[in-house]
């Protein structure tokens, strides 16, 4: 019995790895421990350059740098980003990372666990990322784009398939 499997195929943009509400576990791609309301942000001492090298979307969320180059989080921890002709509302949620702000006033008081840049269902079940094919496409490619030949253990593949039943990847 093989202990490792390789992934092949193309992403069908189901959105389940981006926290789509239709997914059983709403896995959000943002690191959940970036911000904790009861303590300081664990990225506070990072240099902005380092953060943007792994999560360039942070610049779209109002993250800037202090005079010494360290991270300066937006204040308040919610806002909006315009991509093409659409506005995407976001909020930093302790314990859940960056989420889609769905509050009527766009004040961060209500949110979905979805990535704020996940588009609505296009009618065919696809939930593409708003960053794709825009001048922010590189942010998607750096931090979110699935890599084509990922090797995983049988156990991790089984967990992935349970959490993302609409995923189009094939594991062998």
N, C-alpha and C. Protein backbone atom coordinates (compact mmCIF):
# COMPACT_ATOMS: atom_id res chain seq x y z
N UNK A 1 0.84 -1.18 0.00
CA UNK A 1 0.00 0.00 0.00
C UNK A 1 0.88 1.25 0.00
N UNK A 2 0.56 2.19 -0.88
CA UNK A 2 1.34 3.42 -0.98
C UNK A 2 1.07 4.32 0.22
N UNK A 3 2.13 4.95 0.73
CA UNK A 3 1.96 5.85 1.86
C UNK A 3 1.89 7.30 1.42
N UNK A 4 2.23 7.58 0.16
CA UNK A 4 2.16 8.93 -0.36
C UNK A 4 1.37 8.94 -1.67
N UNK A 5 0.70 10.03 -1.89
CA UNK A 5 -0.09 10.19 -3.12
C UNK A 5 0.28 11.52 -3.75
N UNK A 6 0.15 11.59 -5.07
CA UNK A 6 0.40 12.84 -5.77
C UNK A 6 -0.89 13.36 -6.37
N UNK A 7 -1.02 14.67 -6.34
CA UNK A 7 -2.21 15.33 -6.84
C UNK A 7 -1.99 15.70 -8.31
N UNK A 8 -3.03 15.55 -9.09
CA UNK A 8 -2.99 16.02 -10.47
C UNK A 8 -4.36 16.58 -10.83
N UNK A 9 -4.43 17.19 -11.98
CA UNK A 9 -5.68 17.78 -12.42
C UNK A 9 -5.67 19.28 -12.26
N UNK A 10 -6.77 19.90 -12.60
CA UNK A 10 -6.91 21.35 -12.53
C UNK A 10 -7.94 21.73 -11.48
N UNK A 11 -7.77 22.91 -10.92
CA UNK A 11 -8.71 23.44 -9.93
C UNK A 11 -10.01 23.83 -10.64
N UNK A 12 -11.13 23.39 -10.10
CA UNK A 12 -12.43 23.74 -10.67
C UNK A 12 -13.03 25.00 -10.04
N UNK A 13 -12.27 25.66 -9.17
CA UNK A 13 -12.70 26.90 -8.52
C UNK A 13 -14.00 26.71 -7.73
N UNK A 14 -14.09 25.59 -7.01
CA UNK A 14 -15.29 25.35 -6.19
C UNK A 14 -15.33 26.27 -4.98
N UNK A 15 -14.19 26.82 -4.57
CA UNK A 15 -14.13 27.75 -3.45
C UNK A 15 -14.06 27.11 -2.08
N UNK A 16 -14.06 25.79 -2.01
CA UNK A 16 -14.07 25.15 -0.69
C UNK A 16 -12.79 25.39 0.09
N UNK A 17 -11.66 25.52 -0.58
CA UNK A 17 -10.42 25.79 0.16
C UNK A 17 -10.31 27.28 0.50
N UNK A 18 -11.30 28.07 0.09
CA UNK A 18 -11.34 29.50 0.38
C UNK A 18 -12.46 29.83 1.36
N UNK A 19 -13.03 28.80 1.97
CA UNK A 19 -14.06 29.01 2.98
C UNK A 19 -15.47 29.16 2.46
N UNK A 20 -15.74 28.74 1.23
CA UNK A 20 -17.08 28.86 0.67
C UNK A 20 -18.11 28.29 1.64
N UNK A 21 -19.21 28.99 1.80
CA UNK A 21 -20.24 28.57 2.76
C UNK A 21 -20.76 27.17 2.49
N UNK A 22 -20.65 26.71 1.27
CA UNK A 22 -21.14 25.38 0.91
C UNK A 22 -20.22 24.26 1.38
N UNK A 23 -19.01 24.61 1.80
CA UNK A 23 -18.06 23.57 2.20
C UNK A 23 -18.33 23.12 3.63
N UNK A 24 -18.12 21.84 3.90
CA UNK A 24 -18.46 21.30 5.22
C UNK A 24 -17.72 21.94 6.39
N UNK A 25 -16.48 22.36 6.18
CA UNK A 25 -15.69 22.87 7.29
C UNK A 25 -15.26 24.32 7.13
N UNK A 26 -15.62 24.95 6.05
CA UNK A 26 -15.27 26.34 5.77
C UNK A 26 -13.82 26.65 6.08
N UNK A 27 -12.91 25.97 5.42
CA UNK A 27 -11.48 26.24 5.55
C UNK A 27 -11.17 27.58 4.90
N UNK A 28 -10.69 28.51 5.68
CA UNK A 28 -10.30 29.82 5.19
C UNK A 28 -8.80 29.78 4.94
N UNK A 29 -8.32 30.32 3.80
CA UNK A 29 -6.89 30.20 3.50
C UNK A 29 -5.97 31.11 4.31
N UNK A 30 -6.52 32.06 5.06
CA UNK A 30 -5.68 33.00 5.80
C UNK A 30 -5.20 32.37 7.11
N UNK A 31 -3.95 32.61 7.49
CA UNK A 31 -3.46 32.09 8.78
C UNK A 31 -4.29 32.65 9.94
N UNK A 32 -4.83 31.77 10.78
CA UNK A 32 -5.78 32.21 11.80
C UNK A 32 -5.14 32.94 12.97
N UNK A 33 -3.86 32.82 13.18
CA UNK A 33 -3.25 33.45 14.35
C UNK A 33 -2.56 34.77 14.04
N UNK A 34 -2.93 35.39 12.93
CA UNK A 34 -2.33 36.68 12.62
C UNK A 34 -2.72 37.73 13.64
N UNK A 35 -3.97 37.66 14.09
CA UNK A 35 -4.45 38.68 15.00
C UNK A 35 -5.23 38.03 16.12
N UNK A 36 -4.96 38.45 17.35
CA UNK A 36 -5.66 37.95 18.52
C UNK A 36 -6.03 39.16 19.36
N UNK A 37 -7.32 39.36 19.56
CA UNK A 37 -7.80 40.55 20.28
C UNK A 37 -7.31 40.59 21.72
N UNK A 38 -7.01 39.44 22.32
CA UNK A 38 -6.60 39.40 23.72
C UNK A 38 -5.10 39.58 23.92
N UNK A 39 -4.37 39.60 22.84
CA UNK A 39 -2.93 39.83 22.93
C UNK A 39 -2.51 40.59 21.68
N UNK A 40 -1.25 40.80 21.56
CA UNK A 40 -0.81 41.53 20.38
C UNK A 40 -0.79 40.62 19.15
N UNK A 41 -0.78 41.23 18.03
CA UNK A 41 -0.72 40.50 16.77
C UNK A 41 0.63 39.81 16.67
N UNK A 42 0.64 38.54 16.32
CA UNK A 42 1.92 37.84 16.27
C UNK A 42 2.77 38.25 15.09
N UNK A 43 2.22 38.97 14.12
CA UNK A 43 3.04 39.45 13.02
C UNK A 43 3.53 40.88 13.27
N UNK A 44 3.21 41.42 14.41
CA UNK A 44 3.54 42.82 14.71
C UNK A 44 5.03 43.12 14.53
N UNK A 45 5.88 42.19 14.86
CA UNK A 45 7.31 42.43 14.78
C UNK A 45 7.92 42.05 13.42
N UNK A 46 7.09 41.55 12.52
CA UNK A 46 7.59 41.20 11.20
C UNK A 46 7.87 42.47 10.41
N UNK A 47 8.74 42.35 9.44
CA UNK A 47 8.94 43.42 8.47
C UNK A 47 7.86 43.28 7.40
N UNK A 48 7.32 44.39 6.96
CA UNK A 48 6.26 44.36 5.95
C UNK A 48 6.74 43.61 4.70
N UNK A 49 7.96 43.81 4.33
CA UNK A 49 8.51 43.14 3.15
C UNK A 49 8.40 41.62 3.27
N UNK A 50 8.68 41.08 4.46
CA UNK A 50 8.59 39.63 4.68
C UNK A 50 7.13 39.17 4.56
N UNK A 51 6.22 39.87 5.20
CA UNK A 51 4.81 39.49 5.14
C UNK A 51 4.31 39.51 3.70
N UNK A 52 4.61 40.55 2.97
CA UNK A 52 4.12 40.67 1.59
C UNK A 52 4.75 39.63 0.66
N UNK A 53 5.90 39.09 1.04
CA UNK A 53 6.51 38.05 0.21
C UNK A 53 5.73 36.74 0.29
N UNK A 54 5.03 36.49 1.40
CA UNK A 54 4.25 35.25 1.52
C UNK A 54 2.74 35.48 1.41
N UNK A 55 2.24 36.66 1.81
CA UNK A 55 0.82 36.99 1.71
C UNK A 55 0.67 38.40 1.15
N UNK A 56 0.88 38.57 -0.15
CA UNK A 56 0.80 39.91 -0.74
C UNK A 56 -0.60 40.53 -0.62
N UNK A 57 -1.64 39.71 -0.36
CA UNK A 57 -2.99 40.24 -0.16
C UNK A 57 -3.05 41.17 1.03
N UNK A 58 -2.13 41.05 1.95
CA UNK A 58 -2.14 41.90 3.15
C UNK A 58 -2.13 43.38 2.77
N UNK A 59 -1.47 43.74 1.71
CA UNK A 59 -1.45 45.14 1.27
C UNK A 59 -2.84 45.60 0.84
N UNK A 60 -3.66 44.67 0.37
CA UNK A 60 -5.03 45.00 -0.04
C UNK A 60 -5.95 45.18 1.17
N UNK A 61 -5.46 44.81 2.35
CA UNK A 61 -6.25 44.89 3.57
C UNK A 61 -5.79 46.01 4.49
N UNK A 62 -5.08 46.96 3.95
CA UNK A 62 -4.68 48.12 4.73
C UNK A 62 -3.45 47.93 5.59
N UNK A 63 -2.73 46.82 5.43
CA UNK A 63 -1.50 46.62 6.18
C UNK A 63 -0.42 47.49 5.56
N UNK A 64 0.24 48.26 6.40
CA UNK A 64 1.32 49.13 5.95
C UNK A 64 2.51 48.90 6.86
N UNK A 65 3.51 49.75 6.75
CA UNK A 65 4.66 49.60 7.64
C UNK A 65 4.84 50.85 8.48
N UNK A 66 5.42 50.63 9.64
CA UNK A 66 5.81 51.73 10.52
C UNK A 66 7.12 52.29 9.97
N UNK A 67 7.61 53.34 10.57
CA UNK A 67 8.86 53.96 10.12
C UNK A 67 10.03 52.98 10.14
N UNK A 68 9.99 52.00 11.06
CA UNK A 68 11.09 51.03 11.15
C UNK A 68 10.89 49.82 10.24
N UNK A 69 9.83 49.83 9.43
CA UNK A 69 9.59 48.73 8.49
C UNK A 69 8.73 47.61 9.02
N UNK A 70 8.40 47.65 10.33
CA UNK A 70 7.56 46.61 10.92
C UNK A 70 6.10 46.82 10.51
N UNK A 71 5.28 45.81 10.76
CA UNK A 71 3.87 45.79 10.38
C UNK A 71 3.06 46.84 11.12
N UNK A 72 2.22 47.52 10.39
CA UNK A 72 1.21 48.42 10.97
C UNK A 72 -0.13 47.92 10.46
N UNK A 73 -0.93 47.37 11.39
CA UNK A 73 -2.25 46.86 11.00
C UNK A 73 -3.22 48.02 10.78
N UNK A 74 -4.25 47.78 9.97
CA UNK A 74 -5.23 48.85 9.77
C UNK A 74 -6.01 49.10 11.05
N UNK A 75 -6.48 50.30 11.21
CA UNK A 75 -7.31 50.65 12.35
C UNK A 75 -8.47 51.49 11.83
N UNK A 76 -9.68 50.97 11.92
CA UNK A 76 -10.13 49.72 12.54
C UNK A 76 -9.73 48.50 11.70
N UNK A 77 -9.97 47.32 12.27
CA UNK A 77 -9.58 46.07 11.62
C UNK A 77 -10.65 45.57 10.65
N UNK A 78 -11.23 46.47 9.92
CA UNK A 78 -12.17 46.11 8.85
C UNK A 78 -12.13 47.21 7.81
N UNK A 79 -12.57 46.87 6.62
CA UNK A 79 -12.55 47.85 5.55
C UNK A 79 -12.99 47.24 4.24
N UNK A 80 -12.60 47.88 3.16
CA UNK A 80 -12.98 47.40 1.84
C UNK A 80 -11.83 47.57 0.87
N UNK A 81 -11.88 46.77 -0.16
CA UNK A 81 -10.88 46.81 -1.22
C UNK A 81 -11.61 46.76 -2.55
N UNK A 82 -11.28 47.66 -3.45
CA UNK A 82 -11.89 47.64 -4.78
C UNK A 82 -10.97 46.88 -5.72
N UNK A 83 -11.55 45.91 -6.40
CA UNK A 83 -10.84 45.14 -7.41
C UNK A 83 -11.70 45.18 -8.66
N UNK A 84 -11.11 45.71 -9.73
CA UNK A 84 -11.86 45.97 -10.96
C UNK A 84 -13.03 46.89 -10.58
N UNK A 85 -14.25 46.51 -10.87
CA UNK A 85 -15.40 47.36 -10.58
C UNK A 85 -16.18 46.92 -9.34
N UNK A 86 -15.63 45.99 -8.59
CA UNK A 86 -16.33 45.44 -7.43
C UNK A 86 -15.64 45.86 -6.14
N UNK A 87 -16.44 45.98 -5.08
CA UNK A 87 -15.90 46.28 -3.75
C UNK A 87 -16.05 45.04 -2.89
N UNK A 88 -14.97 44.67 -2.22
CA UNK A 88 -14.94 43.50 -1.35
C UNK A 88 -14.68 43.97 0.07
N UNK A 89 -15.58 43.60 0.98
CA UNK A 89 -15.50 44.02 2.38
C UNK A 89 -14.85 42.92 3.21
N UNK A 90 -13.98 43.30 4.12
CA UNK A 90 -13.23 42.35 4.92
C UNK A 90 -13.16 42.80 6.37
N UNK A 91 -12.85 41.82 7.24
CA UNK A 91 -12.68 42.09 8.66
C UNK A 91 -11.67 41.08 9.21
N UNK A 92 -10.77 41.55 10.08
CA UNK A 92 -9.84 40.65 10.77
C UNK A 92 -10.60 40.10 11.98
N UNK A 93 -10.78 38.81 12.05
CA UNK A 93 -11.55 38.18 13.12
C UNK A 93 -10.63 37.31 13.96
N UNK A 94 -10.48 37.63 15.26
CA UNK A 94 -9.63 36.80 16.12
C UNK A 94 -10.06 35.34 16.08
N UNK A 95 -9.11 34.45 15.88
CA UNK A 95 -9.39 33.03 15.84
C UNK A 95 -9.92 32.53 14.50
N UNK A 96 -10.20 33.44 13.57
CA UNK A 96 -10.71 33.02 12.26
C UNK A 96 -10.00 33.70 11.10
N UNK A 97 -9.02 34.51 11.35
CA UNK A 97 -8.25 35.16 10.29
C UNK A 97 -9.02 36.29 9.64
N UNK A 98 -8.68 36.56 8.39
CA UNK A 98 -9.36 37.60 7.62
C UNK A 98 -10.59 36.96 6.99
N UNK A 99 -11.74 37.57 7.18
CA UNK A 99 -13.00 37.01 6.71
C UNK A 99 -13.77 38.04 5.88
N UNK A 100 -14.80 37.56 5.22
CA UNK A 100 -15.67 38.42 4.44
C UNK A 100 -16.63 39.14 5.38
N UNK A 101 -16.62 40.47 5.34
CA UNK A 101 -17.53 41.28 6.16
C UNK A 101 -18.89 41.29 5.46
N UNK A 102 -19.90 40.75 6.13
CA UNK A 102 -21.25 40.70 5.54
C UNK A 102 -22.23 41.57 6.32
N UNK A 103 -21.70 42.42 7.20
CA UNK A 103 -22.58 43.29 7.98
C UNK A 103 -23.19 44.35 7.07
N UNK A 104 -24.42 44.75 7.39
CA UNK A 104 -25.12 45.74 6.57
C UNK A 104 -24.39 47.07 6.53
N UNK A 105 -23.79 47.46 7.64
CA UNK A 105 -23.08 48.72 7.73
C UNK A 105 -21.61 48.59 7.33
N UNK A 106 -21.16 47.38 7.01
CA UNK A 106 -19.77 47.10 6.68
C UNK A 106 -18.83 47.59 7.79
N UNK A 107 -19.24 47.26 9.03
CA UNK A 107 -18.46 47.67 10.19
C UNK A 107 -17.76 46.49 10.87
N UNK A 108 -17.79 45.31 10.23
CA UNK A 108 -17.13 44.14 10.78
C UNK A 108 -17.92 43.40 11.84
N UNK A 109 -19.15 43.81 12.10
CA UNK A 109 -19.93 43.19 13.17
C UNK A 109 -20.51 41.83 12.79
N UNK A 110 -20.56 41.52 11.51
CA UNK A 110 -21.06 40.23 11.05
C UNK A 110 -20.16 39.78 9.90
N UNK A 111 -19.84 38.49 9.91
CA UNK A 111 -18.89 38.02 8.90
C UNK A 111 -19.19 36.59 8.49
N UNK A 112 -18.67 36.23 7.34
CA UNK A 112 -18.67 34.87 6.85
C UNK A 112 -17.22 34.40 6.91
N UNK A 113 -17.00 33.11 7.12
CA UNK A 113 -15.65 32.58 7.17
C UNK A 113 -14.98 32.53 5.80
N UNK A 114 -15.69 32.94 4.77
CA UNK A 114 -15.11 32.96 3.43
C UNK A 114 -13.99 33.98 3.33
N UNK A 115 -13.04 33.71 2.44
CA UNK A 115 -12.03 34.70 2.09
C UNK A 115 -12.78 35.90 1.50
N UNK A 116 -12.40 37.11 1.85
CA UNK A 116 -13.14 38.28 1.36
C UNK A 116 -13.08 38.44 -0.16
N UNK A 117 -12.13 37.78 -0.83
CA UNK A 117 -12.01 37.92 -2.27
C UNK A 117 -12.66 36.79 -3.05
N UNK A 118 -13.40 35.92 -2.36
CA UNK A 118 -14.11 34.83 -3.01
C UNK A 118 -15.39 35.39 -3.61
N UNK A 119 -15.54 35.22 -4.92
CA UNK A 119 -16.72 35.74 -5.61
C UNK A 119 -17.94 34.86 -5.33
N UNK A 120 -19.13 35.40 -5.53
CA UNK A 120 -20.34 34.58 -5.37
C UNK A 120 -20.42 33.51 -6.45
N UNK A 121 -21.27 32.54 -6.25
CA UNK A 121 -21.50 31.47 -7.23
C UNK A 121 -21.91 32.10 -8.55
N UNK A 122 -21.25 31.68 -9.61
CA UNK A 122 -21.53 32.22 -10.94
C UNK A 122 -22.70 31.53 -11.62
N UNK A 123 -23.34 30.61 -10.91
CA UNK A 123 -24.46 29.88 -11.48
C UNK A 123 -24.08 28.48 -11.93
N UNK A 124 -22.78 28.21 -11.98
CA UNK A 124 -22.31 26.89 -12.39
C UNK A 124 -21.60 26.16 -11.25
N UNK A 125 -21.72 26.70 -10.05
CA UNK A 125 -21.08 26.11 -8.89
C UNK A 125 -19.67 26.61 -8.65
N UNK A 126 -19.12 27.39 -9.58
CA UNK A 126 -17.76 27.90 -9.43
C UNK A 126 -17.76 29.14 -8.53
N UNK A 127 -16.74 29.25 -7.71
CA UNK A 127 -16.53 30.38 -6.81
C UNK A 127 -15.12 30.91 -7.02
N UNK A 128 -14.86 31.59 -8.14
CA UNK A 128 -13.50 32.04 -8.40
C UNK A 128 -13.05 33.17 -7.48
N UNK A 129 -11.75 33.36 -7.46
CA UNK A 129 -11.14 34.43 -6.69
C UNK A 129 -11.19 35.72 -7.50
N UNK A 130 -11.53 36.81 -6.85
CA UNK A 130 -11.62 38.11 -7.52
C UNK A 130 -10.25 38.61 -7.97
N UNK A 131 -9.18 38.07 -7.41
CA UNK A 131 -7.83 38.54 -7.75
C UNK A 131 -7.33 37.99 -9.09
N UNK A 132 -7.89 36.87 -9.51
CA UNK A 132 -7.43 36.21 -10.73
C UNK A 132 -7.72 37.09 -11.95
N UNK A 133 -6.74 37.18 -12.82
CA UNK A 133 -6.82 37.96 -14.06
C UNK A 133 -7.01 39.45 -13.81
N UNK A 134 -6.44 39.95 -12.72
CA UNK A 134 -6.44 41.38 -12.44
C UNK A 134 -4.99 41.79 -12.19
N UNK A 135 -4.78 43.06 -11.86
CA UNK A 135 -3.42 43.47 -11.53
C UNK A 135 -2.98 42.92 -10.17
N UNK A 136 -3.85 42.19 -9.47
CA UNK A 136 -3.53 41.53 -8.20
C UNK A 136 -3.37 40.02 -8.37
N UNK A 137 -3.32 39.57 -9.61
CA UNK A 137 -3.21 38.15 -9.91
C UNK A 137 -1.99 37.51 -9.24
N UNK A 138 -0.90 38.25 -9.14
CA UNK A 138 0.30 37.71 -8.52
C UNK A 138 0.07 37.38 -7.04
N UNK A 139 -0.75 38.17 -6.37
CA UNK A 139 -1.06 37.89 -4.96
C UNK A 139 -1.72 36.53 -4.84
N UNK A 140 -2.63 36.22 -5.74
CA UNK A 140 -3.27 34.91 -5.74
C UNK A 140 -2.24 33.82 -6.03
N UNK A 141 -1.39 34.02 -7.04
CA UNK A 141 -0.41 33.01 -7.42
C UNK A 141 0.59 32.73 -6.30
N UNK A 142 1.00 33.76 -5.57
CA UNK A 142 1.99 33.59 -4.50
C UNK A 142 1.39 32.86 -3.29
N UNK A 143 0.22 33.27 -2.85
CA UNK A 143 -0.30 32.77 -1.57
C UNK A 143 -1.38 31.71 -1.68
N UNK A 144 -2.10 31.65 -2.79
CA UNK A 144 -3.29 30.80 -2.81
C UNK A 144 -3.31 29.73 -3.90
N UNK A 145 -2.67 29.98 -5.01
CA UNK A 145 -2.78 29.05 -6.14
C UNK A 145 -2.29 27.67 -5.74
N UNK A 146 -3.10 26.65 -5.98
CA UNK A 146 -2.65 25.28 -5.67
C UNK A 146 -1.47 24.90 -6.57
N UNK A 147 -0.52 24.22 -5.99
CA UNK A 147 0.63 23.76 -6.75
C UNK A 147 0.29 22.41 -7.37
N UNK A 148 0.63 22.19 -8.62
CA UNK A 148 0.11 21.04 -9.37
C UNK A 148 0.54 19.66 -8.92
N UNK A 149 1.73 19.49 -8.40
CA UNK A 149 2.19 18.14 -8.05
C UNK A 149 2.53 18.06 -6.57
N UNK A 150 1.55 18.22 -5.74
CA UNK A 150 1.76 18.16 -4.30
C UNK A 150 1.70 16.71 -3.84
N UNK A 151 2.69 16.28 -3.09
CA UNK A 151 2.70 14.92 -2.57
C UNK A 151 2.21 14.94 -1.14
N UNK A 152 1.29 14.05 -0.82
CA UNK A 152 0.70 14.00 0.51
C UNK A 152 0.58 12.55 0.98
N UNK A 153 0.38 12.40 2.27
CA UNK A 153 0.13 11.07 2.81
C UNK A 153 -1.31 10.68 2.52
N UNK A 154 -1.57 9.40 2.56
CA UNK A 154 -2.91 8.88 2.33
C UNK A 154 -3.89 9.48 3.34
N UNK A 155 -3.46 9.62 4.59
CA UNK A 155 -4.33 10.16 5.63
C UNK A 155 -4.69 11.62 5.37
N UNK A 156 -3.71 12.40 4.96
CA UNK A 156 -3.98 13.83 4.68
C UNK A 156 -4.86 13.99 3.45
N UNK A 157 -4.70 13.12 2.47
CA UNK A 157 -5.56 13.17 1.27
C UNK A 157 -7.00 12.84 1.67
N UNK A 158 -7.17 11.83 2.50
CA UNK A 158 -8.52 11.46 2.95
C UNK A 158 -9.16 12.62 3.71
N UNK A 159 -8.39 13.30 4.55
CA UNK A 159 -8.90 14.45 5.29
C UNK A 159 -9.28 15.57 4.32
N UNK A 160 -8.40 15.85 3.34
CA UNK A 160 -8.69 16.89 2.34
C UNK A 160 -9.99 16.58 1.60
N UNK A 161 -10.15 15.34 1.15
CA UNK A 161 -11.35 14.97 0.39
C UNK A 161 -12.61 15.06 1.24
N UNK A 162 -12.51 14.77 2.53
CA UNK A 162 -13.65 14.90 3.42
C UNK A 162 -14.02 16.38 3.60
N UNK A 163 -13.02 17.23 3.74
CA UNK A 163 -13.25 18.65 3.97
C UNK A 163 -13.62 19.42 2.71
N UNK A 164 -13.24 18.87 1.54
CA UNK A 164 -13.46 19.55 0.26
C UNK A 164 -14.08 18.58 -0.75
N UNK A 165 -15.30 18.14 -0.53
CA UNK A 165 -15.89 17.12 -1.40
C UNK A 165 -16.11 17.58 -2.86
N UNK A 166 -16.16 18.86 -3.13
CA UNK A 166 -16.34 19.34 -4.49
C UNK A 166 -15.03 19.55 -5.24
N UNK A 167 -13.91 19.35 -4.57
CA UNK A 167 -12.60 19.57 -5.16
C UNK A 167 -12.40 18.65 -6.37
N UNK A 168 -11.84 19.20 -7.43
CA UNK A 168 -11.65 18.45 -8.68
C UNK A 168 -10.30 17.72 -8.76
N UNK A 169 -9.43 17.90 -7.79
CA UNK A 169 -8.13 17.24 -7.87
C UNK A 169 -8.27 15.73 -7.76
N UNK A 170 -7.39 15.05 -8.46
CA UNK A 170 -7.36 13.60 -8.44
C UNK A 170 -6.06 13.20 -7.74
N UNK A 171 -6.16 12.25 -6.82
CA UNK A 171 -5.00 11.80 -6.06
C UNK A 171 -4.68 10.36 -6.45
N UNK A 172 -3.42 10.10 -6.73
CA UNK A 172 -3.00 8.75 -7.12
C UNK A 172 -1.81 8.30 -6.28
